[in-house]
N, C-alpha and C. Protein backbone atom coordinates (compact mmCIF):
# COMPACT_ATOMS: atom_id res chain seq x y z
N MET A 1 87.71 134.59 99.57
CA MET A 1 88.42 133.49 100.20
C MET A 1 87.47 132.76 101.15
N LYS A 2 87.61 131.47 101.23
CA LYS A 2 86.78 130.69 102.14
C LYS A 2 87.64 129.76 102.97
N ALA A 3 87.15 129.42 104.15
CA ALA A 3 87.86 128.48 105.04
C ALA A 3 87.05 127.20 105.09
N THR A 4 87.76 126.07 105.05
CA THR A 4 87.09 124.78 105.18
C THR A 4 87.65 124.04 106.38
N LEU A 5 86.77 123.36 107.08
CA LEU A 5 87.13 122.57 108.25
C LEU A 5 86.63 121.15 108.03
N SER A 6 87.52 120.18 108.03
CA SER A 6 87.13 118.79 107.85
C SER A 6 86.40 118.32 109.10
N LEU A 7 85.19 117.76 108.92
CA LEU A 7 84.37 117.29 110.03
C LEU A 7 84.39 115.78 110.18
N SER A 8 84.39 115.07 109.05
CA SER A 8 84.31 113.62 109.11
C SER A 8 84.74 113.03 107.78
N LYS A 9 85.39 111.86 107.85
CA LYS A 9 85.75 111.12 106.64
C LYS A 9 85.28 109.69 106.83
N LEU A 10 84.61 109.17 105.81
CA LEU A 10 84.06 107.82 105.85
C LEU A 10 84.45 107.07 104.60
N ARG A 11 84.55 105.76 104.72
CA ARG A 11 84.75 104.91 103.54
C ARG A 11 83.60 103.92 103.51
N VAL A 12 82.92 103.85 102.36
CA VAL A 12 81.80 102.93 102.18
C VAL A 12 82.37 101.53 101.95
N PRO A 13 82.00 100.55 102.80
CA PRO A 13 82.59 99.22 102.65
C PRO A 13 82.21 98.53 101.34
N VAL A 14 81.01 98.74 100.87
CA VAL A 14 80.59 98.15 99.59
C VAL A 14 80.74 99.25 98.54
N GLY A 15 81.68 99.12 97.64
CA GLY A 15 81.90 100.13 96.61
C GLY A 15 83.15 100.95 96.81
N GLY A 16 83.58 101.12 98.06
CA GLY A 16 84.83 101.80 98.35
C GLY A 16 84.84 103.30 98.19
N GLN A 17 83.68 103.94 98.04
CA GLN A 17 83.66 105.40 97.92
C GLN A 17 84.17 106.04 99.21
N GLU A 18 84.79 107.20 99.05
CA GLU A 18 85.24 107.99 100.19
C GLU A 18 84.32 109.19 100.32
N ILE A 19 83.81 109.42 101.52
CA ILE A 19 82.92 110.55 101.77
C ILE A 19 83.59 111.45 102.79
N GLU A 20 83.68 112.73 102.47
CA GLU A 20 84.22 113.70 103.42
C GLU A 20 83.21 114.81 103.62
N LEU A 21 82.97 115.16 104.88
CA LEU A 21 82.10 116.28 105.22
C LEU A 21 82.97 117.42 105.72
N GLN A 22 82.72 118.62 105.20
CA GLN A 22 83.50 119.80 105.58
C GLN A 22 82.55 120.95 105.87
N GLN A 23 82.93 121.80 106.82
CA GLN A 23 82.22 123.06 107.02
C GLN A 23 82.91 124.11 106.18
N VAL A 24 82.12 124.87 105.44
CA VAL A 24 82.65 125.92 104.58
C VAL A 24 82.17 127.27 105.11
N ASP A 25 83.13 128.14 105.44
CA ASP A 25 82.83 129.49 105.92
C ASP A 25 83.47 130.48 104.96
N HIS A 26 82.66 131.39 104.44
CA HIS A 26 83.18 132.42 103.54
C HIS A 26 83.72 133.59 104.35
N GLU A 27 84.79 134.17 103.87
CA GLU A 27 85.45 135.26 104.58
C GLU A 27 84.49 136.43 104.83
N SER A 28 83.58 136.66 103.90
CA SER A 28 82.65 137.79 104.03
C SER A 28 81.55 137.52 105.06
N GLY A 29 81.52 136.32 105.63
CA GLY A 29 80.52 136.00 106.65
C GLY A 29 79.31 135.32 106.04
N GLY A 30 78.23 135.33 106.79
CA GLY A 30 77.01 134.67 106.33
C GLY A 30 76.92 133.26 106.87
N MET A 31 76.03 132.51 106.28
CA MET A 31 75.74 131.16 106.75
C MET A 31 76.86 130.19 106.40
N SER A 32 77.18 129.31 107.36
CA SER A 32 78.11 128.22 107.08
C SER A 32 77.38 127.18 106.24
N LEU A 33 78.11 126.50 105.37
CA LEU A 33 77.54 125.45 104.54
C LEU A 33 78.23 124.13 104.85
N LEU A 34 77.52 123.05 104.61
CA LEU A 34 78.09 121.72 104.76
C LEU A 34 78.46 121.22 103.37
N ARG A 35 79.75 121.01 103.16
CA ARG A 35 80.23 120.50 101.88
C ARG A 35 80.34 118.98 101.99
N THR A 36 79.75 118.30 101.03
CA THR A 36 79.84 116.84 100.94
C THR A 36 80.67 116.51 99.72
N ARG A 37 81.78 115.81 99.93
CA ARG A 37 82.67 115.39 98.83
C ARG A 37 82.64 113.87 98.77
N ILE A 38 82.23 113.36 97.63
CA ILE A 38 82.21 111.90 97.44
C ILE A 38 83.20 111.58 96.33
N ARG A 39 84.16 110.73 96.66
CA ARG A 39 85.16 110.32 95.68
C ARG A 39 84.92 108.87 95.31
N GLU A 40 84.79 108.63 94.03
CA GLU A 40 84.62 107.28 93.51
C GLU A 40 85.67 107.09 92.43
N LYS A 41 86.74 106.38 92.80
CA LYS A 41 87.94 106.24 91.96
C LYS A 41 88.47 107.61 91.63
N SER A 42 88.47 108.06 90.38
CA SER A 42 89.02 109.38 90.04
C SER A 42 87.94 110.44 89.89
N ARG A 43 86.69 110.08 90.13
CA ARG A 43 85.58 111.03 89.96
C ARG A 43 85.15 111.59 91.31
N PHE A 44 84.90 112.89 91.36
CA PHE A 44 84.43 113.56 92.56
C PHE A 44 83.05 114.14 92.33
N THR A 45 82.21 114.04 93.35
CA THR A 45 80.94 114.76 93.39
C THR A 45 81.02 115.66 94.61
N VAL A 46 80.80 116.95 94.42
CA VAL A 46 80.90 117.92 95.52
C VAL A 46 79.66 118.80 95.50
N PHE A 47 79.03 118.94 96.66
CA PHE A 47 77.93 119.89 96.75
C PHE A 47 77.87 120.48 98.14
N ASP A 48 77.37 121.70 98.22
CA ASP A 48 77.25 122.44 99.48
C ASP A 48 75.77 122.58 99.82
N ILE A 49 75.43 122.33 101.08
CA ILE A 49 74.04 122.46 101.50
C ILE A 49 73.94 123.32 102.75
N ASP A 50 72.79 123.92 102.91
CA ASP A 50 72.50 124.80 104.03
C ASP A 50 72.11 123.98 105.26
N PRO A 51 72.09 124.60 106.45
CA PRO A 51 71.78 123.86 107.67
C PRO A 51 70.39 123.19 107.67
N ILE A 52 69.39 123.83 107.11
CA ILE A 52 68.05 123.24 107.11
C ILE A 52 68.02 121.97 106.27
N THR A 53 68.62 122.03 105.08
CA THR A 53 68.68 120.85 104.22
C THR A 53 69.51 119.75 104.88
N ALA A 54 70.62 120.11 105.53
CA ALA A 54 71.46 119.12 106.21
C ALA A 54 70.67 118.41 107.31
N ARG A 55 69.88 119.16 108.06
CA ARG A 55 69.07 118.56 109.12
C ARG A 55 68.04 117.59 108.55
N GLN A 56 67.36 118.00 107.48
CA GLN A 56 66.35 117.13 106.86
C GLN A 56 66.99 115.87 106.29
N TRP A 57 68.12 116.02 105.65
CA TRP A 57 68.83 114.88 105.06
C TRP A 57 69.30 113.93 106.16
N GLY A 58 69.89 114.50 107.22
CA GLY A 58 70.37 113.69 108.33
C GLY A 58 69.24 112.92 109.00
N GLU A 59 68.10 113.56 109.20
CA GLU A 59 66.96 112.88 109.80
C GLU A 59 66.44 111.76 108.90
N ALA A 60 66.42 111.99 107.60
CA ALA A 60 65.99 110.94 106.67
C ALA A 60 66.96 109.75 106.71
N LEU A 61 68.26 110.02 106.78
CA LEU A 61 69.25 108.95 106.88
C LEU A 61 69.07 108.15 108.17
N LEU A 62 68.87 108.85 109.28
CA LEU A 62 68.68 108.17 110.56
C LEU A 62 67.40 107.34 110.57
N GLN A 63 66.33 107.88 110.01
CA GLN A 63 65.07 107.15 109.96
C GLN A 63 65.24 105.85 109.17
N TRP A 64 65.92 105.93 108.04
CA TRP A 64 66.15 104.72 107.23
C TRP A 64 67.03 103.72 107.99
N ALA A 65 68.12 104.22 108.59
CA ALA A 65 69.06 103.33 109.28
C ALA A 65 68.39 102.62 110.46
N ARG A 66 67.54 103.34 111.18
CA ARG A 66 66.86 102.74 112.34
C ARG A 66 65.86 101.66 111.91
N ALA A 67 65.34 101.75 110.71
CA ALA A 67 64.36 100.76 110.21
C ALA A 67 65.02 99.48 109.70
N GLN A 68 66.37 99.51 109.60
CA GLN A 68 67.09 98.33 109.08
C GLN A 68 67.41 97.37 110.21
N PRO A 69 67.43 96.05 109.92
CA PRO A 69 67.81 95.09 110.95
C PRO A 69 69.27 95.29 111.37
N GLU A 70 69.54 95.12 112.66
CA GLU A 70 70.92 95.24 113.14
C GLU A 70 71.68 93.97 112.83
N GLU A 71 72.94 94.14 112.50
CA GLU A 71 73.76 92.99 112.16
C GLU A 71 74.62 92.57 113.33
């Protein structure tokens, strides 16, 4: 059995995809994972990543966003 905790829900303005981030904790313990659920109409993409990968991904997203002109 696993427990999930919803952390954030976003809607992409261009394309309308829904993104949900969840923390996944397994009953047996161990490392928490970050579940990313992307819904595009009736199709879902779901993947779980470890904290190190989440940090690297988040830093890459921030680096890209900071390089973009502000609107």
